[in-house]
Amino acid sequence: MGGEIKGKGAVDFGKKRPRIEYALAFNGVRMQNLSRLSERFRDRLFGVAGGRAEGDFVIEENSGIADSLRGRIEFSIDRGKLVNTGIQDGLGIWLEELKYKLKDLEFNKIYGNIGISGKLFQINSFIFSARDIRLKIDGFIDRSLEGDLKIDLEFTRKFIEDVPNPAIFLQLNKYKRDHWYLLPFQAKGKDITDGRNIKKLY
């Protein structure tokens, strides 16, 4: 993946099902290489990642580790880009004038803190940060992308100054807080990347 992973682990054979504990640190991982492992996210995430993970799982005969995996991962991704993800499309449904700007987002940093409990991921914090736009996400999601997420979209006037329809400024006035527009959304359902499952809260 273009980077480096270091870690340590321990195996407990004292029980019927051996348990493995692990602690890892990683840096320099290129997200475009990692995202190519999934057809859904292939060529949609770019950047250089670093962070750490720890947790445990049990080894069962004729079974994977997904159901028993427990732990957490904390990471950051620097100098990258998000391209045409389902969530971006969903936000674009509610902000039609901004849809083309939301499709291809360059960022300075993404920070994430995620808990893992079997097939469930608890997103304690996910922050996408760029000069004129930010995304903040928390909630939960499972491996099939079913979940319930709160999404705060924030952007400056500079981000929307080239939008051809000036009426959008009137529509967004109620969301303005100082130099930022703050719009709250919820993504909830069997596939939270499906735009039909993303709703503006007010």
Protein backbone atom coordinates (compact mmCIF):
# COMPACT_ATOMS: atom_id res chain seq x y z
CA MET A 1 0.00 0.00 0.00
CA GLY A 2 3.02 2.27 -0.24
CA GLY A 3 3.46 2.70 3.52
CA GLU A 4 4.58 0.89 6.64
CA ILE A 5 2.78 -1.06 9.36
CA LYS A 6 4.34 -2.07 12.65
CA GLY A 7 2.70 -3.90 15.48
CA LYS A 8 2.63 -6.65 18.02
CA GLY A 9 0.21 -9.33 19.06
CA ALA A 10 -0.41 -11.99 21.66
CA VAL A 11 -2.28 -15.29 21.41
CA ASP A 12 -4.13 -16.79 24.37
CA PHE A 13 -4.45 -20.57 23.97
CA GLY A 14 -5.90 -21.01 27.45
CA LYS A 15 -9.49 -21.15 26.22
CA LYS A 16 -11.37 -23.35 23.78
CA ARG A 17 -11.29 -20.59 21.18
CA PRO A 18 -7.85 -18.97 20.94
CA ARG A 19 -7.99 -15.19 21.32
CA ILE A 20 -5.58 -12.80 19.59
CA GLU A 21 -4.85 -9.31 20.88
CA TYR A 22 -3.15 -6.83 18.57
CA ALA A 23 -1.77 -3.29 18.52
CA LEU A 24 -0.69 -1.67 15.25
CA ALA A 25 0.73 1.62 14.04
CA PHE A 26 0.80 2.62 10.37
CA ASN A 27 2.05 5.53 8.32
CA GLY A 28 2.54 6.52 4.70
CA VAL A 29 -0.31 4.29 3.51
CA ARG A 30 -1.67 5.51 0.16
CA MET A 31 -5.45 5.44 0.33
CA GLN A 32 -5.88 5.12 -3.43
CA ASN A 33 -4.11 1.75 -3.20
CA LEU A 34 -6.22 0.63 -0.24
CA SER A 35 -9.51 1.79 -1.80
CA ARG A 36 -8.86 -0.36 -4.88
CA LEU A 37 -9.51 -3.43 -2.74
CA SER A 38 -13.22 -2.50 -2.84
CA GLU A 39 -15.14 -2.04 -6.08
CA ARG A 40 -17.50 0.37 -4.32
CA PHE A 41 -14.68 2.73 -3.29
CA ARG A 42 -12.17 2.13 -6.10
CA ASP A 43 -10.55 5.41 -7.19
CA ARG A 44 -12.77 7.47 -4.88
CA LEU A 45 -10.39 8.19 -2.00
CA PHE A 46 -6.89 9.63 -2.27
CA GLY A 47 -4.35 10.74 0.32
CA VAL A 48 -1.65 9.52 2.69
CA ALA A 49 -2.80 7.88 5.93
CA GLY A 50 -1.27 7.26 9.33
CA GLY A 51 -2.64 6.14 12.66
CA ARG A 52 -2.99 3.28 15.11
CA ALA A 53 -5.34 0.41 15.86
CA GLU A 54 -5.80 -2.01 18.74
CA GLY A 55 -8.23 -4.73 19.72
CA ASP A 56 -8.81 -8.47 19.79
CA PHE A 57 -10.65 -11.31 18.08
CA VAL A 58 -11.13 -15.05 18.48
CA ILE A 59 -10.25 -17.84 16.07
CA GLU A 60 -13.10 -20.19 15.26
CA GLU A 61 -13.10 -23.21 13.00
CA ASN A 62 -14.82 -22.60 9.64
CA SER A 63 -15.51 -18.96 10.53
CA GLY A 64 -13.94 -15.57 9.86
CA ILE A 65 -12.96 -13.07 12.51
CA ALA A 66 -15.51 -10.38 11.60
CA ASP A 67 -18.15 -11.33 14.19
CA SER A 68 -15.72 -11.42 17.10
CA LEU A 69 -13.53 -8.46 16.17
CA ARG A 70 -13.39 -5.76 18.86
CA GLY A 71 -11.22 -2.67 19.01
CA ARG A 72 -10.71 0.85 17.80
CA ILE A 73 -8.81 2.71 15.12
CA GLU A 74 -7.63 6.31 15.09
CA PHE A 75 -6.28 7.75 11.85
CA SER A 76 -5.58 10.84 9.81
CA ILE A 77 -5.34 11.24 6.02
CA ASP A 78 -3.37 14.17 4.62
CA ARG A 79 -3.46 16.03 1.33
CA GLY A 80 -6.09 14.03 -0.50
CA LYS A 81 -9.37 13.97 -2.35
CA LEU A 82 -12.85 12.44 -2.09
CA VAL A 83 -14.42 11.70 -5.46
CA ASN A 84 -18.11 11.08 -6.09
CA THR A 85 -19.03 9.04 -3.01
CA GLY A 86 -22.63 8.19 -2.29
CA ILE A 87 -22.81 10.64 0.61
CA GLN A 88 -21.61 13.48 -1.62
CA ASP A 89 -24.32 12.59 -4.15
CA GLY A 90 -26.93 12.56 -1.39
CA LEU A 91 -25.96 15.99 -0.16
CA GLY A 92 -26.09 17.20 -3.76
CA ILE A 93 -29.76 16.19 -4.00
CA TRP A 94 -30.55 18.77 -1.31
CA LEU A 95 -28.09 21.33 -2.65
CA GLU A 96 -28.57 21.01 -6.39
CA GLU A 97 -26.64 24.23 -7.15
CA LEU A 98 -23.63 22.85 -5.27
CA LYS A 99 -23.76 19.31 -6.61
CA TYR A 100 -20.87 19.77 -9.03
CA LYS A 101 -18.72 21.32 -6.29
CA LEU A 102 -19.42 18.51 -3.81
CA LYS A 103 -18.55 15.70 -6.24
CA ASP A 104 -14.80 16.22 -6.19
CA LEU A 105 -13.51 17.53 -2.84
CA GLU A 106 -9.86 18.13 -2.07
CA PHE A 107 -8.93 18.26 1.61
CA ASN A 108 -6.09 19.20 3.89
CA LYS A 109 -6.83 16.51 6.47
CA ILE A 110 -9.34 13.86 7.46
CA TYR A 111 -9.35 12.71 11.08
CA GLY A 112 -11.23 9.65 12.27
CA ASN A 113 -11.83 7.80 15.54
CA ILE A 114 -13.84 4.59 15.10
CA GLY A 115 -14.81 1.81 17.47
CA ILE A 116 -15.27 -1.73 16.13
CA SER A 117 -17.69 -4.25 17.62
CA GLY A 118 -18.15 -7.27 15.38
CA LYS A 119 -19.68 -6.07 12.13
CA LEU A 120 -20.63 -2.69 13.63
CA PHE A 121 -18.52 0.47 13.38
CA GLN A 122 -19.16 3.25 15.87
CA ILE A 123 -17.95 6.53 14.38
CA ASN A 124 -16.98 8.59 17.40
CA SER A 125 -15.51 11.30 15.22
CA PHE A 126 -14.92 11.83 11.50
CA ILE A 127 -13.80 15.29 10.38
CA PHE A 128 -13.11 16.31 6.80
CA SER A 129 -11.27 19.62 6.76
CA ALA A 130 -10.43 21.91 3.85
CA ARG A 131 -9.96 25.65 3.58
CA ASP A 132 -13.56 26.51 2.69
CA ILE A 133 -15.52 23.34 3.49
CA ARG A 134 -15.79 20.89 6.39
CA LEU A 135 -17.72 17.71 7.07
CA LYS A 136 -18.31 16.30 10.55
CA ILE A 137 -19.83 12.84 10.93
CA ASP A 138 -20.76 10.66 13.91
CA GLY A 139 -23.02 7.66 14.41
CA PHE A 140 -22.82 3.99 13.47
CA ILE A 141 -22.61 1.87 10.33
CA ASP A 142 -22.21 -1.85 9.64
CA ARG A 143 -20.28 -3.74 6.97
CA SER A 144 -23.28 -3.72 4.62
CA LEU A 145 -23.38 0.13 4.91
CA GLU A 146 -26.61 0.11 6.92
CA GLY A 147 -26.50 2.70 9.68
CA ASP A 148 -27.52 6.00 11.22
CA LEU A 149 -25.17 8.96 10.80
CA LYS A 150 -25.42 12.63 11.69
CA ILE A 151 -23.62 14.76 9.12
CA ASP A 152 -22.80 18.45 9.56
CA LEU A 153 -21.83 20.19 6.32
CA GLU A 154 -20.05 23.52 6.76
CA PHE A 155 -18.76 25.88 4.08
CA THR A 156 -17.81 29.53 3.61
CA ARG A 157 -19.26 32.06 1.20
CA LYS A 158 -16.10 31.73 -0.87
CA PHE A 159 -16.98 28.07 -1.52
CA ILE A 160 -20.25 29.10 -3.17
CA GLU A 161 -19.33 32.49 -4.67
CA ASP A 162 -19.14 31.10 -8.22
CA VAL A 163 -22.55 29.38 -8.07
CA PRO A 164 -24.52 30.70 -11.08
CA ASN A 165 -27.84 31.05 -9.22
CA PRO A 166 -27.59 34.01 -6.78
CA ALA A 167 -30.88 33.00 -5.16
CA ILE A 168 -29.00 30.32 -3.26
CA PHE A 169 -27.63 32.96 -0.90
CA LEU A 170 -31.16 33.81 0.21
CA GLN A 171 -31.97 30.12 0.68
CA LEU A 172 -28.89 29.60 2.84
CA ASN A 173 -29.16 32.72 5.02
CA LYS A 174 -30.85 30.87 7.88
CA TYR A 175 -27.85 28.52 8.06
CA LYS A 176 -25.22 31.24 8.30
CA ARG A 177 -23.15 31.43 11.48
CA ASP A 178 -20.45 34.11 11.31
CA HIS A 179 -18.34 33.25 8.23
CA TRP A 180 -19.70 29.70 7.85
CA TYR A 181 -22.92 28.12 6.62
CA LEU A 182 -23.83 25.14 8.84
CA LEU A 183 -26.26 22.55 7.42
CA PRO A 184 -27.26 19.42 9.41
CA PHE A 185 -28.15 16.12 7.68
CA GLN A 186 -28.99 12.57 8.67
CA ALA A 187 -28.05 9.46 6.68
CA LYS A 188 -30.15 6.52 7.86
CA GLY A 189 -31.21 3.24 6.29
CA LYS A 190 -30.02 0.04 4.64
CA ASP A 191 -27.45 1.90 2.52
CA ILE A 192 -26.40 5.27 3.89
CA THR A 193 -24.55 6.09 0.65
CA ASP A 194 -27.89 6.02 -1.22
CA GLY A 195 -28.94 9.64 -1.68
CA ARG A 196 -32.57 8.73 -0.96
CA ASN A 197 -31.53 7.86 2.61
CA ILE A 198 -29.95 11.27 3.28
CA LYS A 199 -32.24 13.94 4.71
CA LYS A 200 -31.72 17.55 5.72
CA LEU A 201 -32.72 17.92 9.38
CA TYR A 202 -34.21 21.41 9.08
